Amino acid sequence: MERLDLIKRNTQEIVEEEELALLLEEEKHPKAYVGYATTGMLHIGHLLPLLKIGDFLKAGFKFTILAADLHAYLDDQKTPWHLLDARARYYKETMKACLEDVFKIDTKNLRFVKGSDFQLEAQYVLDVLRMAADVTVARARRAASEVVRFAEETKLGGLIYPLMQIEDVVALDVDVTFGGIDQRGIYMLAREVLPKLNYKKPICVFGPLLPALHGGRMGGKMSASEEKGKINLIEDAESVEKKIRNAFCPAKQVQDNPVLMFMRCLIFPFKGKFKVEREQKYGGDVVYSSYEELEKDFVVGNLHPADLKQSLAKEISRMLAPLRKKFSTQKYRKIIEEAYPK
């Protein structure tokens, strides 16, 4: 697969694709990053962007994962100050395990950095202040509205948040930003304000967000704060089976279907094929070699939601098995306990 096609697959938007194509022509090892505010525990929704990082690495990118600890505090103190270091460590170790133990991705061109290790440097702070003098309160709030939790009384931290995220692009010296489509407002502001400070505007790659398992138009994206709508990365097989069995997956409906999105954006890109196990009276086992084949059968009614969900639950449990094993050891249990004390 060509480098550009690798980056384009399973994305929701690229701003701008022509800029990305030119970058790939000119640079053998361009630089990209994704940032995560280190708040709640990671769940299966995070597997989509982590697998996508593999595409960046296969395409020759040097890739940075930012554990944005200060952002986690600025966003309405979702992470208390005294837990910032512990949660940054949890994010690093868990993401590293997903990439290496689950997806078997070569990580030699991948690095992890912690926000507070560079976000307090003089030039960084100066650039943020320069942006603050130019960006209005309304513009900053609008840019961060899909990411930051704003109460009725707006806290200043939520307005500083997007300006720091923009400066991360400069400080990490990247060509491409990667994130969920909910990050679009912040990075569009970055493309607007960074040239004013004599910095290049980033190319932005946005991926889809996995809907909450209860799905539907009112379901929203999968969230760490909503137990019924997510599956934790170390959840036991019985719990995985129960949650997938109860997932929103109306017969013949593709739109807003979290089960089908998981198949399209994760299972097929990772596995390349998918086996549905079912009784002979319901048609017997069937192996799909592409998502398009599976969706076609689903839409015409040849694949029942119950059969699809049962096989998906087994596949997810197999994927998560290496993580359950690793995080059952004393070392990794301690990492979780320190990051999320009871």
Protein backbone atom coordinates (compact mmCIF):
# COMPACT_ATOMS: atom_id res chain seq x y z
CA MET A 1 0.00 0.00 0.00
CA GLU A 2 1.29 3.47 -0.92
CA ARG A 3 2.30 5.81 1.90
CA LEU A 4 -0.51 8.26 1.21
CA ASP A 5 -3.10 5.49 1.12
CA LEU A 6 -1.85 4.17 4.44
CA ILE A 7 -2.41 7.54 6.10
CA LYS A 8 -5.76 8.12 4.39
CA ARG A 9 -7.40 4.83 5.28
CA ASN A 10 -10.01 4.91 8.04
CA THR A 11 -9.76 8.65 8.50
CA GLN A 12 -12.66 11.08 8.64
CA GLU A 13 -10.91 14.17 7.28
CA ILE A 14 -7.48 15.39 6.21
CA VAL A 15 -6.64 19.10 6.12
CA GLU A 16 -5.26 19.34 3.51
CA GLU A 17 -4.70 16.13 1.53
CA GLU A 18 -2.68 17.96 -1.12
CA GLU A 19 -0.30 19.24 1.56
CA LEU A 20 0.09 15.72 2.94
CA ALA A 21 0.85 14.29 -0.51
CA LEU A 22 3.53 16.94 -1.07
CA LEU A 23 5.05 16.29 2.35
CA LEU A 24 5.34 12.58 1.60
CA GLU A 25 7.02 13.35 -1.71
CA GLU A 26 9.58 15.64 -0.09
CA GLU A 27 10.27 13.87 3.22
CA LYS A 28 11.30 10.27 3.79
CA HIS A 29 10.65 10.50 7.53
CA PRO A 30 8.14 13.28 8.28
CA LYS A 31 7.07 13.86 11.87
CA ALA A 32 3.63 13.46 13.41
CA TYR A 33 2.13 13.33 16.88
CA VAL A 34 -1.00 12.63 18.87
CA GLY A 35 -1.71 14.05 22.31
CA TYR A 36 -3.77 12.54 25.11
CA ALA A 37 -4.86 14.37 28.24
CA THR A 38 -4.12 11.78 30.91
CA THR A 39 -7.54 11.57 32.54
CA GLY A 40 -9.70 8.42 32.64
CA MET A 41 -8.62 4.82 32.08
CA LEU A 42 -8.10 3.76 28.48
CA HIS A 43 -10.82 1.74 26.75
CA ILE A 44 -11.32 -0.07 23.44
CA GLY A 45 -12.18 3.20 21.71
CA HIS A 46 -8.50 4.09 22.06
CA LEU A 47 -7.51 1.03 20.03
CA LEU A 48 -8.65 2.74 16.83
CA PRO A 49 -6.13 5.62 16.97
CA LEU A 50 -3.41 3.35 18.35
CA LEU A 51 -3.76 1.04 15.36
CA LYS A 52 -3.71 4.12 13.13
CA ILE A 53 -0.36 5.09 14.63
CA GLY A 54 0.88 1.85 13.10
CA ASP A 55 -0.07 3.21 9.67
CA PHE A 56 1.97 6.35 10.30
CA LEU A 57 4.98 4.24 11.31
CA LYS A 58 4.62 1.95 8.30
CA ALA A 59 4.51 5.06 6.11
CA GLY A 60 7.92 6.11 7.44
CA PHE A 61 6.83 8.73 9.96
CA LYS A 62 8.68 9.48 13.15
CA PHE A 63 5.81 9.55 15.62
CA THR A 64 5.38 11.10 19.07
CA ILE A 65 2.73 10.23 21.64
CA LEU A 66 2.26 13.09 24.09
CA ALA A 67 1.01 12.32 27.59
CA ALA A 68 -0.54 15.73 28.20
CA ASP A 69 -0.53 15.78 31.98
CA LEU A 70 -0.97 19.53 32.45
CA HIS A 71 -3.88 19.48 30.04
CA ALA A 72 -5.54 16.82 32.23
CA TYR A 73 -5.46 19.27 35.12
CA LEU A 74 -6.49 22.34 33.14
CA ASP A 75 -9.60 20.55 31.85
CA ASP A 76 -11.69 21.17 34.97
CA GLN A 77 -9.16 19.23 37.09
CA LYS A 78 -10.25 15.89 35.64
CA THR A 79 -6.97 14.57 37.03
CA PRO A 80 -5.98 15.87 40.48
CA TRP A 81 -2.57 17.52 40.67
CA HIS A 82 -1.06 14.81 42.88
CA LEU A 83 -1.96 12.07 40.37
CA LEU A 84 -0.53 13.67 37.23
CA ASP A 85 2.74 11.73 37.21
CA ALA A 86 1.07 8.40 37.99
CA ARG A 87 -1.50 8.76 35.23
CA ALA A 88 1.09 9.83 32.68
CA ARG A 89 3.00 6.65 33.49
CA TYR A 90 -0.19 4.57 33.17
CA TYR A 91 -0.92 6.05 29.72
CA LYS A 92 2.61 5.42 28.52
CA GLU A 93 2.79 1.82 29.73
CA THR A 94 -0.71 0.92 28.56
CA MET A 95 -0.33 2.43 25.09
CA LYS A 96 3.08 0.82 24.71
CA ALA A 97 1.54 -2.54 25.62
CA CYS A 98 -1.28 -2.07 23.10
CA LEU A 99 1.12 -1.23 20.29
CA GLU A 100 3.67 -3.93 21.01
CA ASP A 101 1.71 -6.78 22.64
CA VAL A 102 -1.64 -6.51 20.86
CA PHE A 103 -0.82 -5.04 17.43
CA LYS A 104 2.84 -6.19 17.20
CA ILE A 105 3.83 -2.79 15.80
CA ASP A 106 7.50 -1.95 15.31
CA THR A 107 8.00 1.06 17.61
CA LYS A 108 11.61 1.97 16.82
CA ASN A 109 10.46 5.32 15.35
CA LEU A 110 8.02 6.02 18.19
CA ARG A 111 8.66 8.10 21.28
CA PHE A 112 6.63 9.02 24.35
CA VAL A 113 6.92 12.45 25.95
CA LYS A 114 5.24 14.03 28.97
CA GLY A 115 3.83 17.52 28.60
CA SER A 116 5.22 19.01 31.78
CA ASP A 117 8.74 18.03 30.70
CA PHE A 118 8.73 20.81 28.06
CA GLN A 119 5.58 22.91 28.47
CA LEU A 120 7.09 25.09 31.20
CA GLU A 121 10.06 26.24 29.12
CA ALA A 122 10.38 29.98 28.50
CA GLN A 123 9.78 30.01 24.73
CA TYR A 124 6.75 27.74 25.09
CA VAL A 125 5.15 30.02 27.69
CA LEU A 126 6.02 33.12 25.67
CA ASP A 127 4.32 31.73 22.56
CA VAL A 128 1.20 30.82 24.54
CA LEU A 129 1.05 34.38 25.91
CA ARG A 130 1.44 35.80 22.41
CA MET A 131 -1.49 33.66 21.25
CA ALA A 132 -3.52 34.74 24.27
CA ALA A 133 -3.12 38.36 23.18
CA ASP A 134 -4.63 37.54 19.77
CA VAL A 135 -7.29 34.87 20.37
CA THR A 136 -10.62 35.96 21.83
CA VAL A 137 -12.32 34.14 24.70
CA ALA A 138 -15.19 33.15 22.41
CA ARG A 139 -12.82 31.77 19.76
CA ALA A 140 -10.82 29.74 22.29
CA ARG A 141 -13.95 28.33 23.86
CA ARG A 142 -15.45 27.43 20.50
CA ALA A 143 -12.23 25.69 19.44
CA ALA A 144 -12.12 23.56 22.58
CA SER A 145 -15.87 22.95 22.98
CA GLU A 146 -15.71 19.32 21.81
CA VAL A 147 -12.76 18.50 24.04
CA VAL A 148 -12.85 20.55 27.24
CA ARG A 149 -15.55 20.29 29.92
CA PHE A 150 -16.92 23.80 30.37
CA ALA A 151 -19.17 24.56 33.33
CA GLU A 152 -21.66 27.43 33.42
CA GLU A 153 -18.90 29.62 34.80
CA THR A 154 -15.99 29.23 32.35
CA LYS A 155 -12.69 28.44 34.02
CA LEU A 156 -9.56 30.02 32.62
CA GLY A 157 -7.79 26.65 32.40
CA GLY A 158 -10.20 25.48 29.71
CA LEU A 159 -9.28 28.49 27.58
CA ILE A 160 -5.54 28.05 28.06
CA TYR A 161 -5.91 24.38 27.08
CA PRO A 162 -6.31 24.89 23.30
CA LEU A 163 -3.52 27.47 23.16
CA MET A 164 -1.13 25.01 24.80
CA GLN A 165 -2.22 22.26 22.43
CA ILE A 166 -1.42 24.55 19.53
CA GLU A 167 2.00 25.32 20.97
CA ASP A 168 2.65 21.58 21.37
CA VAL A 169 2.77 21.42 17.56
CA VAL A 170 5.62 23.94 17.59
CA ALA A 171 7.49 22.54 20.58
CA LEU A 172 7.42 18.99 19.25
CA ASP A 173 8.42 20.23 15.77
CA VAL A 174 5.91 18.06 13.89
CA ASP A 175 4.58 18.27 10.36
CA VAL A 176 1.30 16.45 11.01
CA THR A 177 -1.16 16.38 13.88
CA PHE A 178 -3.32 13.31 14.44
CA GLY A 179 -6.42 13.09 16.58
CA GLY A 180 -10.09 12.31 16.71
CA ILE A 181 -12.51 14.49 14.80
CA ASP A 182 -13.40 16.16 18.11
CA GLN A 183 -9.97 17.84 17.96
CA ARG A 184 -10.81 19.65 14.72
CA GLY A 185 -11.67 23.00 16.31
CA ILE A 186 -8.34 23.30 18.08
CA TYR A 187 -6.22 22.35 15.09
CA MET A 188 -8.14 24.61 12.73
CA LEU A 189 -7.31 27.43 15.15
CA ALA A 190 -3.69 26.26 15.02
CA ARG A 191 -3.62 26.62 11.23
CA GLU A 192 -5.00 30.12 11.67
CA VAL A 193 -2.75 31.51 14.42
CA LEU A 194 0.61 29.77 13.99
CA PRO A 195 1.52 31.59 10.73
CA LYS A 196 0.98 34.86 12.61
CA LEU A 197 3.82 33.79 14.91
CA ASN A 198 5.99 32.83 11.92
CA TYR A 199 5.48 29.11 12.41
CA LYS A 200 4.28 26.67 9.75
CA LYS A 201 0.68 25.52 9.92
CA PRO A 202 0.29 21.78 10.56
CA ILE A 203 -1.31 19.21 8.29
CA CYS A 204 -4.18 17.68 10.25
CA VAL A 205 -5.37 14.07 10.10
CA PHE A 206 -8.62 13.30 11.90
CA GLY A 207 -9.90 9.85 12.73
CA PRO A 208 -13.45 8.77 13.58
CA LEU A 209 -14.61 8.36 17.17
CA LEU A 210 -15.98 5.00 18.26
CA PRO A 211 -19.56 5.56 19.48
CA ALA A 212 -20.61 4.46 22.93
CA LEU A 213 -21.79 0.86 22.91
CA HIS A 214 -25.38 1.87 23.65
CA GLY A 215 -25.06 3.78 20.37
CA GLY A 216 -27.73 5.69 18.53
CA ARG A 217 -27.72 9.35 17.66
CA MET A 218 -27.92 10.25 21.34
CA GLY A 219 -25.23 7.80 22.37
CA GLY A 220 -22.25 10.06 21.85
CA LYS A 221 -18.63 8.96 21.69
CA MET A 222 -17.25 6.24 23.92
CA SER A 223 -16.21 7.85 27.20
CA ALA A 224 -14.08 6.70 30.13
CA SER A 225 -16.66 8.18 32.52
CA GLU A 226 -19.58 6.04 31.32
CA GLU A 227 -19.21 2.42 32.39
CA LYS A 228 -22.06 0.92 30.33
CA GLY A 229 -20.91 2.52 27.09
CA LYS A 230 -17.29 1.33 27.11
CA ILE A 231 -15.06 -1.72 27.49
CA ASN A 232 -11.89 -1.27 29.50
CA LEU A 233 -8.70 -2.67 28.03
CA ILE A 234 -8.29 -5.22 30.80
CA GLU A 235 -11.97 -6.15 31.15
CA ASP A 236 -12.63 -9.86 31.63
CA ALA A 237 -14.08 -11.99 28.84
CA GLU A 238 -17.46 -12.45 30.55
CA SER A 239 -17.95 -8.70 30.90
CA VAL A 240 -16.83 -8.09 27.30
CA GLU A 241 -19.37 -10.65 26.06
CA LYS A 242 -22.18 -9.06 28.08
CA LYS A 243 -21.46 -5.52 26.91
CA ILE A 244 -21.13 -6.48 23.26
CA ARG A 245 -24.31 -8.56 23.48
CA ASN A 246 -26.16 -5.47 24.73
CA ALA A 247 -24.51 -3.10 22.22
CA PHE A 248 -26.62 -0.99 19.87
CA CYS A 249 -26.72 -2.88 16.55
CA PRO A 250 -30.12 -2.70 14.81
CA ALA A 251 -30.59 -5.18 11.99
CA LYS A 252 -29.67 -3.80 8.54
CA GLN A 253 -28.68 -0.38 9.96
CA VAL A 254 -25.18 0.94 9.25
CA GLN A 255 -25.42 4.54 10.43
CA ASP A 256 -24.50 5.20 14.09
CA ASN A 257 -23.76 1.50 14.57
CA PRO A 258 -20.80 1.07 16.98
CA VAL A 259 -20.45 -2.64 16.20
CA LEU A 260 -20.02 -2.04 12.47
CA MET A 261 -17.67 0.90 13.05
CA PHE A 262 -15.50 -1.31 15.23
CA MET A 263 -15.43 -3.89 12.47
CA ARG A 264 -14.55 -1.32 9.79
CA CYS A 265 -11.94 0.71 11.67
CA LEU A 266 -10.25 -1.92 13.82
CA ILE A 267 -10.98 -5.58 13.16
CA PHE A 268 -10.49 -5.63 9.39
CA PRO A 269 -7.49 -3.24 9.29
CA PHE A 270 -5.84 -5.35 12.00
CA LYS A 271 -6.90 -8.90 11.12
CA GLY A 272 -7.68 -8.61 7.40
CA LYS A 273 -10.56 -11.07 7.76
CA PHE A 274 -13.29 -12.02 10.21
CA LYS A 275 -15.03 -15.29 10.98
CA VAL A 276 -18.64 -15.36 12.12
CA GLU A 277 -19.48 -18.56 13.95
CA ARG A 278 -23.11 -19.63 13.89
CA GLU A 279 -25.24 -22.77 13.93
CA GLN A 280 -25.75 -24.63 10.66
CA LYS A 281 -29.48 -23.91 10.72
CA TYR A 282 -28.64 -20.21 10.52
CA GLY A 283 -26.27 -20.65 7.60
CA GLY A 284 -23.17 -22.04 9.32
CA ASP A 285 -19.81 -20.35 9.77
CA VAL A 286 -18.78 -17.68 7.28
CA VAL A 287 -15.44 -15.93 6.76
CA TYR A 288 -15.38 -12.36 5.46
CA SER A 289 -12.24 -11.13 3.73
CA SER A 290 -13.30 -7.47 3.70
CA TYR A 291 -15.52 -5.13 5.64
CA GLU A 292 -17.51 -4.37 2.49
CA GLU A 293 -18.52 -8.04 2.20
CA LEU A 294 -19.66 -8.12 5.81
CA GLU A 295 -21.63 -4.87 5.56
CA LYS A 296 -23.37 -6.06 2.39
CA ASP A 297 -24.56 -9.26 4.10
CA PHE A 298 -25.61 -7.29 7.18
CA VAL A 299 -27.65 -4.75 5.20
CA VAL A 300 -29.59 -7.38 3.23
CA GLY A 301 -30.24 -9.44 6.34
CA ASN A 302 -27.93 -12.39 5.64
CA LEU A 303 -25.97 -11.61 8.82
CA HIS A 304 -27.94 -11.32 12.04
CA PRO A 305 -26.77 -8.81 14.68
CA ALA A 306 -26.70 -11.51 17.37
CA ASP A 307 -24.32 -13.70 15.36
CA LEU A 308 -22.09 -10.73 14.53
CA LYS A 309 -21.93 -9.55 18.14
CA GLN A 310 -21.20 -13.01 19.52
CA SER A 311 -18.22 -13.46 17.19
CA LEU A 312 -17.01 -9.89 17.77
CA ALA A 313 -17.03 -10.40 21.54
CA LYS A 314 -14.78 -13.45 21.15
CA GLU A 315 -12.41 -11.52 18.87
CA ILE A 316 -12.18 -8.58 21.28
CA SER A 317 -11.44 -10.91 24.17
CA ARG A 318 -8.65 -12.53 22.15
CA MET A 319 -7.22 -9.10 21.34
CA LEU A 320 -7.30 -7.98 24.97
CA ALA A 321 -5.85 -11.22 26.36
CA PRO A 322 -2.19 -10.01 26.27
CA LEU A 323 -3.16 -6.86 28.15
CA ARG A 324 -5.11 -8.78 30.80
CA LYS A 325 -2.11 -11.04 31.29
CA LYS A 326 0.42 -8.19 31.55
CA PHE A 327 -1.69 -6.06 33.87
CA SER A 328 -2.38 -8.99 36.19
CA THR A 329 1.27 -8.91 37.27
CA GLN A 330 2.28 -7.04 40.41
CA LYS A 331 4.24 -4.38 38.50
CA TYR A 332 1.35 -3.36 36.28
CA ARG A 333 -1.31 -3.69 38.98
CA LYS A 334 0.69 -1.16 40.95
CA ILE A 335 0.76 1.21 37.97
CA ILE A 336 -3.05 1.15 37.84
CA GLU A 337 -3.50 1.41 41.62
CA GLU A 338 -1.23 4.46 41.81
CA ALA A 339 -2.94 6.17 38.89
CA TYR A 340 -6.50 5.38 39.96
CA PRO A 341 -6.52 4.82 43.73
CA LYS A 342 -9.80 3.50 45.09
